């Protein structure tokens, strides 16, 4: 999976593109955590608009990114979640832990 990112005004936007499954999950999480640790942003926006599918490993990636953001004192917001990944995240209760927004106005 390709992971695009931008850093503007203290907000790191991570935009994965493609399907997230157990074959790439831990590698992709490690790449995103490395960006967090290197850039140390106060805010992180995980834009899932380019991710049409995830299996249960997506839960581990999102929660791992949440814990990594907490470790550096950054707030994590998830946006543009497509229907199938949202079903997986809701089934695990992730929507009760994290902030989900359809659109983010900065």
N, C-alpha and C. Protein backbone atom coordinates (compact mmCIF):
# COMPACT_ATOMS: atom_id res chain seq x y z
N UNK A 1 0.84 -1.16 0.00
CA UNK A 1 0.00 0.00 0.00
C UNK A 1 0.90 1.23 0.00
N UNK A 2 0.47 2.24 -0.72
CA UNK A 2 1.17 3.51 -0.76
C UNK A 2 0.65 4.41 0.36
N UNK A 3 1.54 5.11 1.04
CA UNK A 3 1.14 6.03 2.10
C UNK A 3 1.66 7.41 1.75
N UNK A 4 0.74 8.30 1.39
CA UNK A 4 1.07 9.69 1.12
C UNK A 4 0.99 10.45 2.43
N UNK A 5 1.78 11.51 2.54
CA UNK A 5 1.69 12.34 3.74
C UNK A 5 2.05 13.78 3.43
N UNK A 6 1.47 14.67 4.22
CA UNK A 6 1.81 16.08 4.16
C UNK A 6 1.92 16.58 5.60
N UNK A 7 2.71 17.61 5.79
CA UNK A 7 2.82 18.27 7.09
C UNK A 7 2.63 19.75 6.84
N UNK A 8 1.56 20.30 7.42
CA UNK A 8 1.27 21.72 7.25
C UNK A 8 0.68 22.25 8.55
N UNK A 9 1.23 23.34 9.03
CA UNK A 9 0.73 23.99 10.24
C UNK A 9 0.59 23.03 11.41
N UNK A 10 1.54 22.14 11.58
CA UNK A 10 1.54 21.22 12.71
C UNK A 10 0.63 20.02 12.56
N UNK A 11 0.01 19.86 11.41
CA UNK A 11 -0.89 18.73 11.18
C UNK A 11 -0.26 17.77 10.17
N UNK A 12 -0.01 16.56 10.60
CA UNK A 12 0.49 15.51 9.71
C UNK A 12 -0.72 14.77 9.16
N UNK A 13 -0.88 14.80 7.85
CA UNK A 13 -1.96 14.08 7.20
C UNK A 13 -1.37 12.83 6.56
N UNK A 14 -1.88 11.68 6.97
CA UNK A 14 -1.48 10.39 6.42
C UNK A 14 -2.62 9.88 5.56
N UNK A 15 -2.31 9.56 4.29
CA UNK A 15 -3.35 9.14 3.35
C UNK A 15 -2.94 7.83 2.68
N UNK A 16 -3.27 6.71 3.30
CA UNK A 16 -2.96 5.43 2.66
C UNK A 16 -3.83 5.21 1.43
N UNK A 17 -3.25 4.58 0.41
CA UNK A 17 -3.98 4.27 -0.82
C UNK A 17 -3.88 2.78 -1.08
N UNK A 18 -5.04 2.15 -1.24
CA UNK A 18 -5.06 0.73 -1.56
C UNK A 18 -5.69 -0.07 -0.44
N UNK A 19 -5.68 -1.37 -0.61
CA UNK A 19 -6.28 -2.27 0.37
C UNK A 19 -5.31 -2.57 1.49
N UNK A 20 -5.84 -2.64 2.69
CA UNK A 20 -5.03 -2.94 3.87
C UNK A 20 -5.43 -4.31 4.38
N UNK A 21 -4.50 -5.24 4.33
CA UNK A 21 -4.77 -6.58 4.85
C UNK A 21 -3.56 -7.08 5.62
N UNK A 22 -3.63 -8.30 6.09
CA UNK A 22 -2.57 -8.83 6.95
C UNK A 22 -1.21 -8.92 6.26
N UNK A 23 -1.18 -8.90 4.93
CA UNK A 23 0.09 -8.98 4.20
C UNK A 23 0.93 -7.71 4.36
N UNK A 24 0.26 -6.57 4.50
CA UNK A 24 1.00 -5.30 4.54
C UNK A 24 0.80 -4.52 5.83
N UNK A 25 -0.06 -4.96 6.71
CA UNK A 25 -0.47 -4.16 7.87
C UNK A 25 0.69 -3.71 8.75
N UNK A 26 1.52 -4.61 9.19
CA UNK A 26 2.58 -4.23 10.13
C UNK A 26 3.65 -3.36 9.47
N UNK A 27 3.93 -3.61 8.22
CA UNK A 27 4.88 -2.77 7.48
C UNK A 27 4.33 -1.36 7.34
N UNK A 28 3.05 -1.24 7.00
CA UNK A 28 2.44 0.07 6.84
C UNK A 28 2.36 0.81 8.17
N UNK A 29 2.02 0.11 9.23
CA UNK A 29 2.00 0.74 10.56
C UNK A 29 3.39 1.24 10.93
N UNK A 30 4.41 0.45 10.68
CA UNK A 30 5.78 0.85 11.01
C UNK A 30 6.17 2.12 10.23
N UNK A 31 5.77 2.21 8.97
CA UNK A 31 6.08 3.39 8.16
C UNK A 31 5.38 4.63 8.72
N UNK A 32 4.12 4.49 9.11
CA UNK A 32 3.39 5.63 9.66
C UNK A 32 3.95 6.05 11.02
N UNK A 33 4.30 5.07 11.85
CA UNK A 33 4.88 5.39 13.16
C UNK A 33 6.22 6.09 13.00
N UNK A 34 7.00 5.68 12.02
CA UNK A 34 8.30 6.32 11.77
C UNK A 34 8.09 7.79 11.41
N UNK A 35 7.08 8.08 10.61
CA UNK A 35 6.79 9.48 10.26
C UNK A 35 6.41 10.28 11.51
N UNK A 36 5.58 9.70 12.35
CA UNK A 36 5.19 10.37 13.59
C UNK A 36 6.41 10.68 14.45
N UNK A 37 7.25 9.70 14.63
CA UNK A 37 8.41 9.85 15.51
C UNK A 37 9.44 10.81 14.93
N UNK A 38 9.52 10.88 13.62
CA UNK A 38 10.48 11.79 12.99
C UNK A 38 9.97 13.22 12.95
N UNK A 39 8.67 13.41 12.67
CA UNK A 39 8.13 14.75 12.48
C UNK A 39 7.53 15.36 13.74
N UNK A 40 7.13 14.52 14.71
CA UNK A 40 6.57 14.96 15.99
C UNK A 40 5.48 16.04 15.85
N UNK A 41 4.45 15.76 15.08
CA UNK A 41 3.40 16.76 14.90
C UNK A 41 2.47 16.81 16.12
N UNK A 42 1.87 17.96 16.41
CA UNK A 42 0.89 18.01 17.49
C UNK A 42 -0.47 17.42 17.09
N UNK A 43 -0.71 17.29 15.78
CA UNK A 43 -1.96 16.72 15.30
C UNK A 43 -1.73 15.77 14.15
N UNK A 44 -2.53 14.71 14.09
CA UNK A 44 -2.43 13.71 13.03
C UNK A 44 -3.82 13.49 12.46
N UNK A 45 -3.92 13.55 11.14
CA UNK A 45 -5.16 13.28 10.44
C UNK A 45 -4.94 12.04 9.59
N UNK A 46 -5.69 11.00 9.86
CA UNK A 46 -5.62 9.76 9.09
C UNK A 46 -6.77 9.78 8.09
N UNK A 47 -6.45 10.06 6.84
CA UNK A 47 -7.46 10.17 5.78
C UNK A 47 -7.56 8.82 5.07
N UNK A 48 -8.67 8.12 5.29
CA UNK A 48 -8.85 6.78 4.73
C UNK A 48 -9.69 6.78 3.45
N UNK A 49 -9.80 7.92 2.81
CA UNK A 49 -10.58 8.01 1.58
C UNK A 49 -10.05 7.16 0.45
N UNK A 50 -8.77 6.86 0.45
CA UNK A 50 -8.16 6.04 -0.60
C UNK A 50 -8.02 4.58 -0.23
N UNK A 51 -8.67 4.17 0.85
CA UNK A 51 -8.57 2.78 1.31
C UNK A 51 -9.96 2.13 1.27
N UNK A 52 -10.26 1.43 0.17
CA UNK A 52 -11.60 0.86 0.03
C UNK A 52 -11.85 -0.42 0.83
N UNK A 53 -10.78 -1.08 1.29
CA UNK A 53 -10.95 -2.36 1.97
C UNK A 53 -9.92 -2.52 3.08
N UNK A 54 -10.37 -3.11 4.18
CA UNK A 54 -9.46 -3.61 5.19
C UNK A 54 -10.08 -4.85 5.83
N UNK A 55 -9.23 -5.73 6.26
CA UNK A 55 -9.70 -6.85 7.07
C UNK A 55 -9.45 -6.46 8.53
N UNK A 56 -9.51 -7.40 9.43
CA UNK A 56 -9.36 -7.07 10.85
C UNK A 56 -7.98 -6.50 11.19
N UNK A 57 -7.00 -6.69 10.34
CA UNK A 57 -5.68 -6.12 10.62
C UNK A 57 -5.72 -4.59 10.55
N UNK A 58 -6.72 -4.03 9.89
CA UNK A 58 -6.88 -2.57 9.87
C UNK A 58 -7.14 -2.02 11.25
N UNK A 59 -7.79 -2.80 12.10
CA UNK A 59 -8.04 -2.39 13.48
C UNK A 59 -6.70 -2.21 14.19
N UNK A 60 -5.81 -3.18 14.02
CA UNK A 60 -4.49 -3.11 14.66
C UNK A 60 -3.70 -1.91 14.16
N UNK A 61 -3.80 -1.61 12.88
CA UNK A 61 -3.06 -0.47 12.32
C UNK A 61 -3.60 0.84 12.88
N UNK A 62 -4.91 1.02 12.86
CA UNK A 62 -5.50 2.27 13.35
C UNK A 62 -5.22 2.44 14.84
N UNK A 63 -5.39 1.38 15.61
CA UNK A 63 -5.13 1.49 17.05
C UNK A 63 -3.64 1.65 17.34
N UNK A 64 -2.79 1.02 16.56
CA UNK A 64 -1.35 1.20 16.73
C UNK A 64 -0.94 2.64 16.44
N UNK A 65 -1.54 3.23 15.42
CA UNK A 65 -1.26 4.62 15.10
C UNK A 65 -1.79 5.54 16.21
N UNK A 66 -2.94 5.21 16.76
CA UNK A 66 -3.51 5.96 17.87
C UNK A 66 -2.56 5.94 19.08
N UNK A 67 -2.06 4.78 19.41
CA UNK A 67 -1.13 4.66 20.55
C UNK A 67 0.18 5.42 20.27
N UNK A 68 0.66 5.35 19.03
CA UNK A 68 1.88 6.08 18.68
C UNK A 68 1.66 7.59 18.76
N UNK A 69 0.50 8.05 18.34
CA UNK A 69 0.19 9.48 18.44
C UNK A 69 0.11 9.90 19.91
N UNK A 70 -0.54 9.09 20.72
CA UNK A 70 -0.62 9.39 22.16
C UNK A 70 0.77 9.47 22.78
N UNK A 71 1.65 8.59 22.35
CA UNK A 71 3.00 8.54 22.93
C UNK A 71 3.78 9.83 22.69
N UNK A 72 3.47 10.55 21.60
CA UNK A 72 4.18 11.81 21.32
C UNK A 72 3.32 13.02 21.68
N UNK A 73 2.14 12.76 22.26
CA UNK A 73 1.26 13.85 22.67
C UNK A 73 0.45 14.46 21.54
N UNK A 74 0.25 13.72 20.47
CA UNK A 74 -0.50 14.22 19.31
C UNK A 74 -1.94 13.72 19.36
N UNK A 75 -2.84 14.55 18.87
CA UNK A 75 -4.24 14.16 18.73
C UNK A 75 -4.43 13.49 17.36
N UNK A 76 -5.19 12.40 17.32
CA UNK A 76 -5.45 11.67 16.08
C UNK A 76 -6.92 11.79 15.72
N UNK A 77 -7.17 12.19 14.47
CA UNK A 77 -8.52 12.25 13.92
C UNK A 77 -8.54 11.40 12.66
N UNK A 78 -9.61 10.62 12.48
CA UNK A 78 -9.76 9.76 11.30
C UNK A 78 -10.87 10.35 10.44
N UNK A 79 -10.63 10.43 9.14
CA UNK A 79 -11.60 11.04 8.24
C UNK A 79 -11.76 10.25 6.95
N UNK A 80 -12.86 10.53 6.26
CA UNK A 80 -13.16 9.97 4.94
C UNK A 80 -13.09 8.44 4.90
N UNK A 81 -13.63 7.80 5.92
CA UNK A 81 -13.59 6.34 5.98
C UNK A 81 -14.67 5.78 5.04
N UNK A 82 -14.25 4.91 4.14
CA UNK A 82 -15.18 4.29 3.22
C UNK A 82 -16.05 3.26 3.95
N UNK A 83 -17.19 2.87 3.35
CA UNK A 83 -18.15 2.01 4.05
C UNK A 83 -17.60 0.68 4.58
N UNK A 84 -16.87 -0.06 3.78
CA UNK A 84 -16.39 -1.37 4.24
C UNK A 84 -15.41 -1.23 5.41
N UNK A 85 -14.38 -0.37 5.32
CA UNK A 85 -13.50 -0.21 6.48
C UNK A 85 -14.24 0.30 7.72
N UNK A 86 -15.24 1.16 7.54
CA UNK A 86 -15.99 1.66 8.69
C UNK A 86 -16.75 0.53 9.37
N UNK A 87 -17.29 -0.42 8.62
CA UNK A 87 -17.96 -1.56 9.23
C UNK A 87 -17.00 -2.35 10.12
N UNK A 88 -15.79 -2.55 9.63
CA UNK A 88 -14.78 -3.30 10.40
C UNK A 88 -14.42 -2.53 11.67
N UNK A 89 -14.18 -1.23 11.54
CA UNK A 89 -13.78 -0.43 12.70
C UNK A 89 -14.92 -0.30 13.72
N UNK A 90 -16.14 -0.15 13.24
CA UNK A 90 -17.29 -0.08 14.16
C UNK A 90 -17.51 -1.41 14.87
N UNK A 91 -17.37 -2.51 14.15
CA UNK A 91 -17.57 -3.82 14.77
C UNK A 91 -16.62 -4.03 15.94
N UNK A 92 -15.44 -3.43 15.86
CA UNK A 92 -14.46 -3.56 16.94
C UNK A 92 -14.60 -2.46 18.00
N UNK A 93 -15.49 -1.50 17.77
CA UNK A 93 -15.69 -0.43 18.74
C UNK A 93 -14.68 0.70 18.64
N UNK A 94 -13.92 0.73 17.57
CA UNK A 94 -12.90 1.77 17.41
C UNK A 94 -13.54 3.16 17.33
N UNK A 95 -14.75 3.22 16.79
CA UNK A 95 -15.44 4.52 16.67
C UNK A 95 -15.82 5.10 18.03
N UNK A 96 -15.77 4.30 19.08
CA UNK A 96 -16.05 4.81 20.42
C UNK A 96 -14.79 5.34 21.12
N UNK A 97 -13.64 5.05 20.53
CA UNK A 97 -12.36 5.45 21.12
C UNK A 97 -11.77 6.66 20.40
N UNK A 98 -11.85 6.64 19.08
CA UNK A 98 -11.23 7.68 18.26
C UNK A 98 -12.24 8.69 17.77
N UNK A 99 -11.73 9.83 17.32
CA UNK A 99 -12.56 10.85 16.70
C UNK A 99 -12.63 10.58 15.21
N UNK A 100 -13.85 10.41 14.70
CA UNK A 100 -14.08 10.22 13.26
C UNK A 100 -14.82 11.45 12.74
N UNK A 101 -14.36 11.96 11.61
CA UNK A 101 -15.01 13.10 10.97
C UNK A 101 -15.12 12.82 9.49
N UNK A 102 -16.23 13.26 8.92
CA UNK A 102 -16.41 13.11 7.47
C UNK A 102 -15.51 14.10 6.75
N UNK A 103 -15.53 15.34 7.21
CA UNK A 103 -14.67 16.36 6.64
C UNK A 103 -13.99 17.10 7.77
N UNK A 104 -12.79 17.54 7.52
CA UNK A 104 -12.06 18.28 8.54
C UNK A 104 -11.78 19.66 8.00
N UNK A 105 -12.18 20.67 8.74
CA UNK A 105 -11.94 22.06 8.34
C UNK A 105 -10.83 22.62 9.22
N UNK A 106 -9.77 23.03 8.59
CA UNK A 106 -8.61 23.50 9.33
C UNK A 106 -8.44 25.00 9.14
